[in-house]
Amino acid sequence: MSIFDTIESGKDKFVKNNSSYLKSLFDTDNLMPLWIADMDFKVAPAITQGLQEIVNRGVYAYEDISPEVKQAIANWNLRRHGLDLDSKCFIQVNGVLTAIAVLLRVLTREGDGVMIQTPVYHQFYTAIKTANRTVVENPLKIENGSYVFDFEDIEQQLKLGKTKLILLCNPHNPVGRVWNRDELQKFIDLANTYNVIIVSDEVHSEIVYSNFKFNSILSFPNTENHIAVLGSPAKTFGMQSIANGYIYLNNKERFNQVNNLVTSMYLHQGGALSAYAILAAYTRGEDWVNELVAYLEKTVNWIQEFLNTELPTVKMVKPEGTYQVWLDFSALKLSESELKQLVFKEAKLGLAPGKLFGADYQLYMRMNIASPLSKIKTAFKQLKEAIDSL
């Protein structure tokens, strides 16, 4: 039996289980919550041990182990992805979304266009709009059964001169693409041609399945004007509530610009518990991550087989990474409200509505699959029963 088979959280204090949140999103709290992108698994034992050592110490005086943490992140990326990173080029903030919010304010001006590839993580919209920047949508296309960039549309948008920054998601949430080197090189070439900055959110970089390889934007030449948001173990290790985020900037001028804003607002001062947990994750958590990815891939394969044989009216482009699946319900010929009734009330599943990820995706939903496979099987059987009863 896998260590991920029977262990789950299920605590009422967690956002995904909170009755008020569920009622506001789904108009009911009588459902299985599979909407938010965190895990039902206990963290790696090394992380618990690292936290316990600090708790047992019983003293929480001022301390700073950020240089050790940053070096651990650099070592991890060298070992896992062949990236030779300078630990002094990391800027710590309290999360990836904070990193994106800071970068938008430093690198663009109010009113500037920020391009996103839709459907995309809904907080990208929020980060752009609350910074008083303009969302520029570049919808992904499906070709040969896979989501791909629409390079023609990208270039047409960039030619207009309004887009100053592209907020890239790699691996992509929610469609699960792990962009290959040819795609990314073409993407980078277009950005360089039109003098547009790429900010690459790479928080899902460790959740990549067999036969696919994560390619950081930092692994390409001629990307000194582009920035990767690296170093948050939140998604990889299930540490959403205790992880910091890290921006990697090897452009000295840009580093100073971003670092000045971060330090002036005291956003760089993480807590000791977070620091020791992150250090433990990146130095002693690799075997656990490998087991996790293998388990999640088994779950993805089961879902694909189930949809093919038992529920062909629900489509899924098989993800190459992340622990999200993007489900297409359009073949059911339901309205948006009818689909919500079916999924939320009849199947009793709390999936993230597709409209969060783009206005054109009312008949899609995102499911978080970082749960025991038995729970995911139950969820799909409930969905099948509800659809069969139509």
Protein backbone atom coordinates (compact mmCIF):
# COMPACT_ATOMS: atom_id res chain seq x y z
CA MET A 1 0.00 0.00 0.00
CA SER A 2 1.29 3.46 -0.90
CA ILE A 3 1.86 6.07 1.80
CA PHE A 4 -0.62 8.22 -0.13
CA ASP A 5 -3.48 5.69 -0.16
CA THR A 6 -5.14 6.28 3.17
CA ILE A 7 -3.77 9.48 4.65
CA GLU A 8 -5.86 12.56 4.20
CA SER A 9 -6.47 15.77 6.08
CA GLY A 10 -10.21 16.37 6.29
CA LYS A 11 -9.92 19.09 8.92
CA ASP A 12 -12.71 21.63 9.23
CA LYS A 13 -10.22 24.47 9.63
CA PHE A 14 -8.91 24.00 6.09
CA VAL A 15 -10.28 26.35 3.43
CA LYS A 16 -11.33 23.53 1.13
CA ASN A 17 -13.63 22.08 3.82
CA ASN A 18 -14.91 25.34 5.29
CA SER A 19 -18.70 25.37 5.22
CA SER A 20 -18.98 29.11 4.52
CA TYR A 21 -16.56 28.89 1.59
CA LEU A 22 -18.36 25.87 0.17
CA LYS A 23 -21.80 27.48 0.41
CA SER A 24 -20.55 30.68 -1.24
CA LEU A 25 -19.01 28.75 -4.12
CA PHE A 26 -21.44 25.87 -4.59
CA ASP A 27 -24.60 26.90 -2.75
CA THR A 28 -24.17 23.80 -0.61
CA ASP A 29 -21.62 22.28 1.75
CA ASN A 30 -22.88 18.75 1.19
CA LEU A 31 -20.24 17.73 -1.32
CA MET A 32 -16.73 16.35 -1.74
CA PRO A 33 -14.33 19.33 -1.94
CA LEU A 34 -11.95 18.89 -4.87
CA TRP A 35 -11.72 22.51 -5.94
CA ILE A 36 -8.69 24.11 -4.31
CA ALA A 37 -5.16 23.19 -5.40
CA ASP A 38 -3.70 21.65 -2.28
CA MET A 39 -3.11 18.09 -1.13
CA ASP A 40 -4.90 15.70 1.19
CA PHE A 41 -1.61 13.95 1.97
CA LYS A 42 0.57 14.41 5.01
CA VAL A 43 3.81 16.20 4.23
CA ALA A 44 7.12 14.40 3.89
CA PRO A 45 8.34 13.07 7.26
CA ALA A 46 11.50 15.20 6.93
CA ILE A 47 9.39 18.37 7.02
CA THR A 48 7.51 17.30 10.13
CA GLN A 49 10.82 16.40 11.75
CA GLY A 50 12.33 19.77 10.84
CA LEU A 51 9.36 21.62 12.31
CA GLN A 52 9.32 19.45 15.42
CA GLU A 53 12.96 20.19 16.14
CA ILE A 54 12.21 23.92 16.22
CA VAL A 55 9.06 23.46 18.31
CA ASN A 56 10.96 21.29 20.79
CA ARG A 57 13.60 23.99 21.09
CA GLY A 58 10.94 26.23 22.61
CA VAL A 59 12.77 29.47 21.77
CA TYR A 60 11.74 31.69 18.86
CA ALA A 61 14.27 34.48 18.96
CA TYR A 62 15.32 36.49 15.90
CA GLU A 63 17.23 34.34 13.45
CA ASP A 64 17.95 34.24 9.74
CA ILE A 65 18.76 31.06 7.84
CA SER A 66 17.66 32.46 4.49
CA PRO A 67 21.16 32.06 2.94
CA GLU A 68 21.04 28.33 3.72
CA VAL A 69 17.50 28.05 2.36
CA LYS A 70 18.39 29.86 -0.87
CA GLN A 71 21.45 27.62 -1.36
CA ALA A 72 19.25 24.56 -0.79
CA ILE A 73 16.87 25.78 -3.51
CA ALA A 74 19.79 26.37 -5.87
CA ASN A 75 21.15 22.88 -5.15
CA TRP A 76 17.71 21.34 -5.71
CA ASN A 77 17.35 23.01 -9.11
CA LEU A 78 20.83 21.91 -10.15
CA ARG A 79 20.12 18.34 -9.12
CA ARG A 80 16.59 18.13 -10.55
CA HIS A 81 16.71 20.41 -13.59
CA GLY A 82 20.36 21.08 -14.39
CA LEU A 83 19.97 24.79 -13.58
CA ASP A 84 23.14 26.47 -12.35
CA LEU A 85 21.65 29.21 -10.17
CA ASP A 86 23.39 31.75 -7.96
CA SER A 87 21.81 31.61 -4.52
CA LYS A 88 22.44 35.36 -4.10
CA CYS A 89 20.02 36.07 -6.97
CA PHE A 90 16.97 34.85 -5.06
CA ILE A 91 14.58 37.32 -3.47
CA GLN A 92 12.34 35.88 -0.79
CA VAL A 93 8.72 36.95 -0.46
CA ASN A 94 5.83 35.36 1.39
CA GLY A 95 4.35 33.53 -1.61
CA VAL A 96 4.27 33.18 -5.38
CA LEU A 97 1.28 35.51 -5.75
CA THR A 98 3.13 38.15 -3.74
CA ALA A 99 6.06 37.70 -6.12
CA ILE A 100 3.83 38.21 -9.15
CA ALA A 101 2.14 41.25 -7.59
CA VAL A 102 5.53 42.85 -6.86
CA LEU A 103 6.88 42.15 -10.33
CA LEU A 104 3.82 43.64 -12.01
CA ARG A 105 4.30 46.86 -10.06
CA VAL A 106 8.04 47.13 -10.67
CA LEU A 107 8.18 46.08 -14.31
CA THR A 108 5.03 47.68 -15.75
CA ARG A 109 2.99 50.85 -15.41
CA GLU A 110 -0.70 51.30 -14.71
CA GLY A 111 -2.70 50.60 -17.84
CA ASP A 112 -0.04 48.40 -19.44
CA GLY A 113 -1.18 45.17 -21.01
CA VAL A 114 -0.28 41.85 -19.35
CA MET A 115 -0.80 38.76 -21.51
CA ILE A 116 -2.05 35.43 -20.14
CA GLN A 117 -2.76 32.14 -21.89
CA THR A 118 -6.36 31.21 -21.11
CA PRO A 119 -7.83 29.17 -19.54
CA VAL A 120 -5.46 30.02 -16.71
CA TYR A 121 -5.20 30.16 -12.91
CA HIS A 122 -7.85 32.65 -11.85
CA GLN A 123 -5.57 34.58 -9.48
CA PHE A 124 -3.62 35.82 -12.51
CA TYR A 125 -6.66 37.91 -13.42
CA THR A 126 -6.90 39.24 -9.87
CA ALA A 127 -3.20 40.11 -9.64
CA ILE A 128 -3.30 42.01 -12.94
CA LYS A 129 -6.54 43.88 -12.29
CA THR A 130 -5.72 44.90 -8.72
CA ALA A 131 -2.43 46.35 -9.99
CA ASN A 132 -4.47 48.48 -12.43
CA ARG A 133 -2.96 46.72 -15.40
CA THR A 134 -4.93 45.45 -18.42
CA VAL A 135 -5.57 41.76 -19.03
CA VAL A 136 -4.65 40.66 -22.56
CA GLU A 137 -6.09 37.21 -23.25
CA ASN A 138 -4.28 34.83 -25.57
CA PRO A 139 -6.43 31.65 -25.62
CA LEU A 140 -4.71 28.30 -25.99
CA LYS A 141 -5.69 26.12 -28.95
CA ILE A 142 -6.23 22.37 -29.14
CA GLU A 143 -4.25 20.69 -31.91
CA ASN A 144 -3.84 16.92 -32.29
CA GLY A 145 -5.46 16.40 -28.91
CA SER A 146 -3.18 18.77 -27.00
CA TYR A 147 -3.32 22.36 -25.82
CA VAL A 148 -0.79 24.56 -27.64
CA PHE A 149 0.17 28.22 -27.86
CA ASP A 150 -1.55 30.31 -30.52
CA PHE A 151 1.63 31.95 -31.79
CA GLU A 152 -0.16 33.86 -34.55
CA ASP A 153 -2.41 35.52 -31.99
CA ILE A 154 0.55 36.19 -29.67
CA GLU A 155 2.41 38.02 -32.41
CA GLN A 156 -0.65 39.99 -33.51
CA GLN A 157 -1.20 41.12 -29.92
CA LEU A 158 2.44 42.02 -29.38
CA LYS A 159 2.56 44.03 -32.61
CA LEU A 160 -0.03 46.40 -31.13
CA GLY A 161 2.57 47.51 -28.60
CA LYS A 162 0.22 47.54 -25.62
CA THR A 163 1.47 44.34 -23.99
CA LYS A 164 4.53 44.95 -21.81
CA LEU A 165 4.66 41.68 -19.87
CA ILE A 166 3.59 38.07 -20.38
CA LEU A 167 2.62 36.08 -17.31
CA LEU A 168 3.44 32.49 -18.27
CA CYS A 169 2.27 29.43 -16.37
CA ASN A 170 4.68 26.48 -16.73
CA PRO A 171 3.52 23.78 -16.11
CA HIS A 172 0.15 25.21 -17.00
CA ASN A 173 -2.72 25.38 -14.51
CA PRO A 174 -5.39 24.15 -15.26
CA VAL A 175 -4.70 22.30 -18.54
CA GLY A 176 -1.56 20.51 -17.33
CA ARG A 177 0.74 21.26 -20.28
CA VAL A 178 4.48 21.07 -19.63
CA TRP A 179 5.78 23.34 -22.37
CA ASN A 180 8.53 21.79 -24.50
CA ARG A 181 11.75 23.50 -25.55
CA ASP A 182 10.65 24.27 -29.11
CA GLU A 183 7.46 25.95 -27.89
CA LEU A 184 9.26 27.96 -25.24
CA GLN A 185 12.04 29.02 -27.61
CA LYS A 186 9.50 30.38 -30.08
CA PHE A 187 7.66 32.08 -27.21
CA ILE A 188 10.89 33.69 -25.97
CA ASP A 189 11.90 34.77 -29.48
CA LEU A 190 8.60 36.61 -29.93
CA ALA A 191 8.96 38.30 -26.54
CA ASN A 192 12.51 39.38 -27.38
CA THR A 193 11.49 40.67 -30.81
CA TYR A 194 8.82 42.92 -29.31
CA ASN A 195 10.76 43.81 -26.14
CA VAL A 196 8.25 42.20 -23.78
CA ILE A 197 9.18 40.74 -20.38
CA ILE A 198 8.17 37.18 -19.50
CA VAL A 199 7.43 36.33 -15.87
CA SER A 200 7.28 32.55 -15.60
CA ASP A 201 5.32 31.01 -12.73
CA GLU A 202 7.02 27.64 -12.30
CA VAL A 203 5.48 26.58 -8.99
CA HIS A 204 4.29 23.22 -10.41
CA SER A 205 7.68 22.36 -11.90
CA GLU A 206 8.20 19.18 -9.85
CA ILE A 207 4.85 17.59 -10.69
CA VAL A 208 5.75 16.31 -14.16
CA TYR A 209 4.81 12.87 -15.48
CA SER A 210 6.67 10.20 -17.44
CA ASN A 211 7.99 11.10 -20.90
CA PHE A 212 7.79 14.83 -20.20
CA LYS A 213 10.49 17.21 -19.02
CA PHE A 214 10.14 20.53 -17.28
CA ASN A 215 12.05 23.35 -19.00
CA SER A 216 12.57 26.46 -16.94
CA ILE A 217 12.77 29.78 -18.73
CA LEU A 218 16.14 30.09 -17.00
CA SER A 219 17.51 27.18 -19.06
CA PHE A 220 17.44 29.19 -22.31
CA PRO A 221 20.03 31.65 -23.67
CA ASN A 222 19.10 35.28 -24.25
CA THR A 223 16.61 35.41 -21.40
CA GLU A 224 18.34 38.00 -19.22
CA ASN A 225 15.25 40.21 -19.45
CA HIS A 226 12.93 37.42 -18.36
CA ILE A 227 12.20 36.29 -14.82
CA ALA A 228 11.28 33.02 -13.17
CA VAL A 229 9.28 32.75 -9.98
CA LEU A 230 11.01 29.75 -8.45
CA GLY A 231 11.54 28.19 -5.08
CA SER A 232 8.14 27.85 -3.49
CA PRO A 233 7.69 24.32 -2.22
CA ALA A 234 3.98 25.01 -1.62
CA LYS A 235 2.57 22.81 -4.39
CA THR A 236 5.34 20.23 -4.48
CA PHE A 237 5.37 19.47 -0.78
CA GLY A 238 1.83 20.40 0.31
CA MET A 239 3.05 23.39 2.33
CA GLN A 240 0.60 26.06 1.17
CA SER A 241 0.14 27.61 4.59
CA ILE A 242 3.80 27.64 5.65
CA ALA A 243 5.86 28.11 2.47
CA ASN A 244 7.54 31.25 1.19
CA GLY A 245 8.01 32.19 -2.46
CA TYR A 246 11.21 33.11 -4.30
CA ILE A 247 11.95 35.27 -7.32
CA TYR A 248 15.11 34.54 -9.28
CA LEU A 249 16.73 37.59 -10.88
CA ASN A 250 20.22 37.49 -12.36
CA ASN A 251 19.85 40.94 -13.96
CA LYS A 252 21.53 43.25 -11.44
CA GLU A 253 19.48 46.33 -12.29
CA ARG A 254 16.20 44.45 -12.11
CA PHE A 255 17.30 42.66 -8.95
CA ASN A 256 17.91 45.98 -7.24
CA GLN A 257 14.59 47.40 -8.42
CA VAL A 258 12.59 44.44 -7.14
CA ASN A 259 14.63 43.97 -3.98
CA ASN A 260 14.23 47.65 -3.04
CA LEU A 261 10.44 47.39 -3.17
CA VAL A 262 10.37 44.05 -1.35
CA THR A 263 12.63 45.21 1.49
CA SER A 264 10.94 48.62 1.78
CA MET A 265 7.66 46.81 2.51
CA TYR A 266 9.32 44.16 4.72
CA LEU A 267 8.03 41.38 2.51
CA HIS A 268 11.30 39.48 2.73
CA GLN A 269 11.04 38.58 6.41
CA GLY A 270 9.79 35.01 6.53
CA GLY A 271 9.21 33.08 9.73
CA ALA A 272 11.65 30.58 11.18
CA LEU A 273 9.18 27.69 11.00
CA SER A 274 8.73 28.26 7.27
CA ALA A 275 12.47 28.51 6.73
CA TYR A 276 13.30 25.27 8.53
CA ALA A 277 10.41 23.45 6.84
CA ILE A 278 11.60 24.59 3.40
CA LEU A 279 15.19 23.65 4.20
CA ALA A 280 14.07 20.16 5.25
CA ALA A 281 11.95 19.78 2.10
CA TYR A 282 14.71 20.70 -0.32
CA THR A 283 17.45 18.74 1.41
CA ARG A 284 15.60 15.60 2.59
CA GLY A 285 12.31 15.43 0.71
CA GLU A 286 13.29 14.19 -2.75
CA ASP A 287 12.32 10.53 -2.34
CA TRP A 288 8.90 11.59 -1.07
CA VAL A 289 8.38 13.82 -4.14
CA ASN A 290 9.30 10.98 -6.47
CA GLU A 291 6.75 8.71 -4.77
CA LEU A 292 4.14 11.47 -4.94
CA VAL A 293 4.55 12.02 -8.68
CA ALA A 294 4.36 8.28 -9.39
CA TYR A 295 1.17 8.05 -7.32
CA LEU A 296 -0.45 11.03 -9.04
CA GLU A 297 0.43 9.61 -12.46
CA LYS A 298 -1.30 6.38 -11.55
CA THR A 299 -4.37 8.44 -10.63
CA VAL A 300 -4.29 10.34 -13.94
CA ASN A 301 -4.05 7.07 -15.86
CA TRP A 302 -7.03 5.65 -13.96
CA ILE A 303 -9.10 8.77 -14.71
CA GLN A 304 -8.29 8.61 -18.41
CA GLU A 305 -9.26 4.94 -18.59
CA PHE A 306 -12.48 5.54 -16.65
CA LEU A 307 -13.53 8.41 -18.90
CA ASN A 308 -12.75 6.41 -22.04
CA THR A 309 -14.70 3.35 -20.99
CA GLU A 310 -17.37 4.53 -18.53
CA LEU A 311 -17.95 8.23 -19.12
CA PRO A 312 -17.08 9.17 -22.73
CA THR A 313 -19.30 12.28 -22.65
CA VAL A 314 -16.78 13.93 -20.31
CA LYS A 315 -13.53 14.80 -22.07
CA MET A 316 -10.07 15.38 -20.64
CA VAL A 317 -6.87 16.35 -22.40
CA LYS A 318 -4.51 14.17 -20.38
CA PRO A 319 -2.27 16.40 -18.25
CA GLU A 320 1.50 16.19 -18.56
CA GLY A 321 2.01 17.68 -15.11
CA THR A 322 0.34 19.33 -12.06
CA TYR A 323 -2.28 17.63 -9.92
CA GLN A 324 -5.22 19.26 -11.64
CA VAL A 325 -7.41 17.77 -14.37
CA TRP A 326 -9.41 20.01 -16.72
CA LEU A 327 -12.74 18.41 -17.53
CA ASP A 328 -14.83 19.33 -20.57
CA PHE A 329 -18.59 18.77 -20.07
CA SER A 330 -19.72 20.49 -23.28
CA ALA A 331 -20.89 17.24 -24.90
CA LEU A 332 -23.66 17.01 -22.31
CA LYS A 333 -25.36 20.00 -23.98
CA LEU A 334 -26.24 21.59 -20.65
CA SER A 335 -26.36 25.26 -19.75
CA GLU A 336 -23.86 26.59 -17.23
CA SER A 337 -26.48 26.57 -14.45
CA GLU A 338 -27.61 23.05 -15.36
CA LEU A 339 -24.01 21.82 -15.28
CA LYS A 340 -23.49 23.32 -11.83
CA GLN A 341 -26.69 21.69 -10.61
CA LEU A 342 -25.53 18.35 -11.97
CA VAL A 343 -22.00 18.46 -10.53
CA PHE A 344 -22.55 20.32 -7.25
CA LYS A 345 -25.99 19.06 -6.20
CA GLU A 346 -26.49 15.71 -7.95
CA ALA A 347 -22.95 14.32 -8.07
CA LYS A 348 -22.09 16.20 -4.85
CA LEU A 349 -18.64 17.23 -6.10
CA GLY A 350 -17.04 20.57 -5.38
CA LEU A 351 -15.08 21.24 -8.58
CA ALA A 352 -13.71 24.65 -9.54
CA PRO A 353 -16.05 26.24 -12.12
CA GLY A 354 -14.39 26.75 -15.49
CA LYS A 355 -15.53 30.36 -15.75
CA LEU A 356 -12.98 31.25 -13.06
CA PHE A 357 -10.25 30.45 -15.59
CA GLY A 358 -11.73 32.41 -18.48
CA ALA A 359 -15.14 33.66 -19.60
CA ASP A 360 -15.35 31.12 -22.44
CA TYR A 361 -15.03 28.04 -20.24
CA GLN A 362 -18.47 27.87 -18.57
CA LEU A 363 -18.83 24.19 -19.49
CA TYR A 364 -15.47 23.13 -18.06
CA MET A 365 -14.42 22.40 -14.51
CA ARG A 366 -11.10 21.83 -12.77
CA MET A 367 -10.64 18.94 -10.36
CA ASN A 368 -7.83 18.64 -7.83
CA ILE A 369 -6.65 15.01 -7.76
CA ALA A 370 -4.06 15.19 -4.94
CA SER A 371 -6.12 12.81 -2.83
CA PRO A 372 -6.11 9.06 -2.19
CA LEU A 373 -7.05 7.22 -5.37
CA SER A 374 -9.98 5.61 -3.58
CA LYS A 375 -11.47 9.08 -3.03
CA ILE A 376 -10.95 10.05 -6.68
CA LYS A 377 -12.61 6.80 -7.81
CA THR A 378 -15.60 7.54 -5.59
CA ALA A 379 -15.84 11.05 -7.04
CA PHE A 380 -15.96 9.83 -10.63
CA LYS A 381 -18.46 7.11 -9.81
CA GLN A 382 -20.70 9.75 -8.24
CA LEU A 383 -20.29 11.83 -11.39
CA LYS A 384 -21.18 8.88 -13.62
CA GLU A 385 -24.31 8.12 -11.58
CA ALA A 386 -25.44 11.73 -11.84
CA ILE A 387 -24.86 11.88 -15.61
CA ASP A 388 -26.53 8.50 -16.17
CA SER A 389 -29.62 9.79 -14.39
CA LEU A 390 -30.03 12.69 -16.85
